[in-house]
Amino acid sequence: MKENLVLNTLKKTIENSKSKYYHYPVAAVLECNDGTIYSGVNIETSSPQAGICAERCALFYALANGYTKDQFKKISILNQTENIITPCFICRQALNDYCNSDLEIVSYNVNGESKTFRLQDLCSESFGEDQLK
């Protein structure tokens, strides 16, 4: 998916964010190798732990539709500040559990500036499936 198309999709998707409590809208687009995309937004609740981040929303949507870790190419995120953000640690854990370590993570700010990360760089000493054996 071309960068302009991703950014336009993120800008449209972020309008669906439910962020009335903390006022921090975020959108995510998870791209699969076959070109399918899954969008997600953060959905806040009055009890913070009952909500969901945009990254997990998109990931869980893809998983619920039968996609697996070998089918995920890239996840892009957008927030409405000038900051370049990274997924929170709960999202990093979910991505670590259900995506390959070379997953590309592209973060955009409100100005359209971006920075690219790899999951393995954000989760270099992560806890995962291997530790449960």
C-alpha atoms as a PDB file:
ATOM      1  CA  MET A   1       0.000   0.000   0.000  1.00  0.00           C
ATOM      2  CA  LYS A   2       1.488   3.347  -1.004  1.00  0.00           C
ATOM      3  CA  GLU A   3       2.401   5.802   1.746  1.00  0.00           C
ATOM      4  CA  ASN A   4      -0.116   8.473   0.627  1.00  0.00           C
ATOM      5  CA  LEU A   5      -2.921   5.915   0.566  1.00  0.00           C
ATOM      6  CA  VAL A   6      -1.950   4.641   4.025  1.00  0.00           C
ATOM      7  CA  LEU A   7      -1.876   8.165   5.451  1.00  0.00           C
ATOM      8  CA  ASN A   8      -5.232   9.026   3.840  1.00  0.00           C
ATOM      9  CA  THR A   9      -6.754   5.828   5.247  1.00  0.00           C
ATOM     10  CA  LEU A  10      -5.369   6.665   8.684  1.00  0.00           C
ATOM     11  CA  LYS A  11      -6.754  10.219   8.523  1.00  0.00           C
ATOM     12  CA  LYS A  12     -10.195   8.920   7.615  1.00  0.00           C
ATOM     13  CA  THR A  13     -10.095   6.112  10.182  1.00  0.00           C
ATOM     14  CA  ILE A  14      -9.015   8.358  13.076  1.00  0.00           C
ATOM     15  CA  GLU A  15     -12.368  10.138  12.786  1.00  0.00           C
ATOM     16  CA  ASN A  16     -13.924   6.965  14.257  1.00  0.00           C
ATOM     17  CA  SER A  17     -11.793   7.090  17.412  1.00  0.00           C
ATOM     18  CA  LYS A  18     -13.808   7.051  20.608  1.00  0.00           C
ATOM     19  CA  SER A  19     -11.576   9.202  22.797  1.00  0.00           C
ATOM     20  CA  LYS A  20     -13.936  11.301  24.873  1.00  0.00           C
ATOM     21  CA  TYR A  21     -12.185  10.624  28.178  1.00  0.00           C
ATOM     22  CA  TYR A  22      -8.495  11.262  27.468  1.00  0.00           C
ATOM     23  CA  HIS A  23      -8.876  13.081  24.148  1.00  0.00           C
ATOM     24  CA  TYR A  24      -6.012  11.233  22.468  1.00  0.00           C
ATOM     25  CA  PRO A  25      -7.277   9.786  19.165  1.00  0.00           C
ATOM     26  CA  VAL A  26      -5.157   7.144  17.453  1.00  0.00           C
ATOM     27  CA  ALA A  27      -5.752   5.135  14.277  1.00  0.00           C
ATOM     28  CA  ALA A  28      -3.947   2.053  12.966  1.00  0.00           C
ATOM     29  CA  VAL A  29      -3.852   0.240   9.646  1.00  0.00           C
ATOM     30  CA  LEU A  30      -2.498  -3.309   9.561  1.00  0.00           C
ATOM     31  CA  GLU A  31      -1.407  -4.377   6.086  1.00  0.00           C
ATOM     32  CA  CYS A  32      -1.355  -8.038   5.107  1.00  0.00           C
ATOM     33  CA  ASN A  33       0.925  -9.529   2.471  1.00  0.00           C
ATOM     34  CA  ASP A  34      -2.051 -10.146   0.160  1.00  0.00           C
ATOM     35  CA  GLY A  35      -2.983  -6.436   0.183  1.00  0.00           C
ATOM     36  CA  THR A  36      -5.852  -6.750   2.655  1.00  0.00           C
ATOM     37  CA  ILE A  37      -5.908  -4.027   5.284  1.00  0.00           C
ATOM     38  CA  TYR A  38      -7.522  -3.931   8.693  1.00  0.00           C
ATOM     39  CA  SER A  39      -8.154  -0.581  10.336  1.00  0.00           C
ATOM     40  CA  GLY A  40      -8.591   0.124  14.006  1.00  0.00           C
ATOM     41  CA  VAL A  41      -9.000   3.035  16.392  1.00  0.00           C
ATOM     42  CA  ASN A  42      -8.572   3.494  20.076  1.00  0.00           C
ATOM     43  CA  ILE A  43     -11.807   3.123  22.020  1.00  0.00           C
ATOM     44  CA  GLU A  44     -11.625   4.679  25.463  1.00  0.00           C
ATOM     45  CA  THR A  45     -13.945   3.907  28.344  1.00  0.00           C
ATOM     46  CA  SER A  46     -14.392   5.543  31.736  1.00  0.00           C
ATOM     47  CA  SER A  47     -12.370   2.640  33.134  1.00  0.00           C
ATOM     48  CA  PRO A  48      -9.072   2.880  31.204  1.00  0.00           C
ATOM     49  CA  GLN A  49      -8.318  -0.847  31.182  1.00  0.00           C
ATOM     50  CA  ALA A  50     -11.690  -1.641  29.592  1.00  0.00           C
ATOM     51  CA  GLY A  51     -10.812   0.234  26.406  1.00  0.00           C
ATOM     52  CA  ILE A  52      -8.576  -0.829  23.527  1.00  0.00           C
ATOM     53  CA  CYS A  53      -5.762   0.794  21.585  1.00  0.00           C
ATOM     54  CA  ALA A  54      -5.901   1.244  17.828  1.00  0.00           C
ATOM     55  CA  GLU A  55      -3.064  -1.215  17.187  1.00  0.00           C
ATOM     56  CA  ARG A  56      -4.748  -4.072  19.053  1.00  0.00           C
ATOM     57  CA  CYS A  57      -8.111  -3.193  17.523  1.00  0.00           C
ATOM     58  CA  ALA A  58      -6.672  -3.626  14.002  1.00  0.00           C
ATOM     59  CA  LEU A  59      -4.636  -6.711  14.946  1.00  0.00           C
ATOM     60  CA  PHE A  60      -7.538  -8.484  16.651  1.00  0.00           C
ATOM     61  CA  TYR A  61      -9.823  -7.666  13.717  1.00  0.00           C
ATOM     62  CA  ALA A  62      -7.333  -9.344  11.354  1.00  0.00           C
ATOM     63  CA  LEU A  63      -6.915 -12.347  13.659  1.00  0.00           C
ATOM     64  CA  ALA A  64     -10.699 -12.712  13.951  1.00  0.00           C
ATOM     65  CA  ASN A  65     -10.814 -12.897  10.156  1.00  0.00           C
ATOM     66  CA  GLY A  66      -8.355 -15.790  10.036  1.00  0.00           C
ATOM     67  CA  TYR A  67      -5.065 -14.028   9.356  1.00  0.00           C
ATOM     68  CA  THR A  68      -1.891 -15.277  11.048  1.00  0.00           C
ATOM     69  CA  LYS A  69       1.506 -13.823  11.918  1.00  0.00           C
ATOM     70  CA  ASP A  70       3.152 -14.849   8.652  1.00  0.00           C
ATOM     71  CA  GLN A  71       0.568 -12.825   6.734  1.00  0.00           C
ATOM     72  CA  PHE A  72       1.213  -9.431   8.381  1.00  0.00           C
ATOM     73  CA  LYS A  73       3.454  -6.981   6.551  1.00  0.00           C
ATOM     74  CA  LYS A  74       3.234  -3.609   8.290  1.00  0.00           C
ATOM     75  CA  ILE A  75       1.224  -1.654  10.827  1.00  0.00           C
ATOM     76  CA  SER A  76       0.937   2.116  10.505  1.00  0.00           C
ATOM     77  CA  ILE A  77      -0.333   4.411  13.231  1.00  0.00           C
ATOM     78  CA  LEU A  78      -1.428   8.043  13.378  1.00  0.00           C
ATOM     79  CA  ASN A  79      -1.994  10.333  16.328  1.00  0.00           C
ATOM     80  CA  GLN A  80      -3.166  13.945  16.323  1.00  0.00           C
ATOM     81  CA  THR A  81      -0.146  15.504  17.996  1.00  0.00           C
ATOM     82  CA  GLU A  82       3.248  16.560  16.682  1.00  0.00           C
ATOM     83  CA  ASN A  83       4.836  13.595  18.474  1.00  0.00           C
ATOM     84  CA  ILE A  84       5.961  10.404  16.790  1.00  0.00           C
ATOM     85  CA  ILE A  85       4.521   7.714  19.052  1.00  0.00           C
ATOM     86  CA  THR A  86       5.189   4.012  19.428  1.00  0.00           C
ATOM     87  CA  PRO A  87       2.730   1.315  20.492  1.00  0.00           C
ATOM     88  CA  CYS A  88       2.154   1.067  24.238  1.00  0.00           C
ATOM     89  CA  PHE A  89       3.606  -1.925  26.044  1.00  0.00           C
ATOM     90  CA  ILE A  90       0.298  -3.818  26.033  1.00  0.00           C
ATOM     91  CA  CYS A  91       0.118  -3.410  22.248  1.00  0.00           C
ATOM     92  CA  ARG A  92       3.769  -4.360  21.894  1.00  0.00           C
ATOM     93  CA  GLN A  93       3.028  -7.585  23.771  1.00  0.00           C
ATOM     94  CA  ALA A  94       0.064  -8.394  21.514  1.00  0.00           C
ATOM     95  CA  LEU A  95       2.093  -7.604  18.389  1.00  0.00           C
ATOM     96  CA  ASN A  96       4.985  -9.681  19.749  1.00  0.00           C
ATOM     97  CA  ASP A  97       2.666 -12.644  20.346  1.00  0.00           C
ATOM     98  CA  TYR A  98       0.853 -12.510  16.981  1.00  0.00           C
ATOM     99  CA  CYS A  99       3.296 -10.953  14.496  1.00  0.00           C
ATOM    100  CA  ASN A 100       6.766 -11.770  13.245  1.00  0.00           C
ATOM    101  CA  SER A 101       9.629  -9.845  14.827  1.00  0.00           C
ATOM    102  CA  ASP A 102      10.445  -8.072  11.551  1.00  0.00           C
ATOM    103  CA  LEU A 103       6.997  -6.428  11.392  1.00  0.00           C
ATOM    104  CA  GLU A 104       7.405  -2.859  10.178  1.00  0.00           C
ATOM    105  CA  ILE A 105       5.787  -0.217  12.378  1.00  0.00           C
ATOM    106  CA  VAL A 106       5.340   3.226  10.806  1.00  0.00           C
ATOM    107  CA  SER A 107       4.224   6.061  13.058  1.00  0.00           C
ATOM    108  CA  TYR A 108       2.806   9.314  11.661  1.00  0.00           C
ATOM    109  CA  ASN A 109       2.183  12.558  13.485  1.00  0.00           C
ATOM    110  CA  VAL A 110      -0.459  15.172  12.714  1.00  0.00           C
ATOM    111  CA  ASN A 111       1.906  16.859  10.215  1.00  0.00           C
ATOM    112  CA  GLY A 112       2.351  13.661   8.203  1.00  0.00           C
ATOM    113  CA  GLU A 113       5.933  13.185   9.381  1.00  0.00           C
ATOM    114  CA  SER A 114       6.827   9.575  10.071  1.00  0.00           C
ATOM    115  CA  LYS A 115       9.370   7.291  11.634  1.00  0.00           C
ATOM    116  CA  THR A 116       9.740   3.577  10.948  1.00  0.00           C
ATOM    117  CA  PHE A 117      10.523   0.926  13.547  1.00  0.00           C
ATOM    118  CA  ARG A 118      10.776  -2.864  13.564  1.00  0.00           C
ATOM    119  CA  LEU A 119       8.912  -4.825  16.194  1.00  0.00           C
ATOM    120  CA  GLN A 120      12.125  -6.582  17.198  1.00  0.00           C
ATOM    121  CA  ASP A 121      13.693  -3.204  18.009  1.00  0.00           C
ATOM    122  CA  LEU A 122      10.782  -2.159  20.221  1.00  0.00           C
ATOM    123  CA  CYS A 123      10.643  -5.579  21.901  1.00  0.00           C
ATOM    124  CA  SER A 124      14.298  -6.600  22.058  1.00  0.00           C
ATOM    125  CA  GLU A 125      14.033  -8.486  25.373  1.00  0.00           C
ATOM    126  CA  SER A 126      10.371  -9.411  25.267  1.00  0.00           C
ATOM    127  CA  PHE A 127       8.393 -12.069  27.090  1.00  0.00           C
ATOM    128  CA  GLY A 128       6.612 -14.436  24.768  1.00  0.00           C
ATOM    129  CA  GLU A 129       5.505 -17.932  23.901  1.00  0.00           C
ATOM    130  CA  ASP A 130       8.986 -19.439  24.337  1.00  0.00           C
ATOM    131  CA  GLN A 131       9.099 -18.388  27.993  1.00  0.00           C
ATOM    132  CA  LEU A 132       5.886 -20.323  28.701  1.00  0.00           C
ATOM    133  CA  LYS A 133       7.444 -23.678  27.791  1.00  0.00           C
END
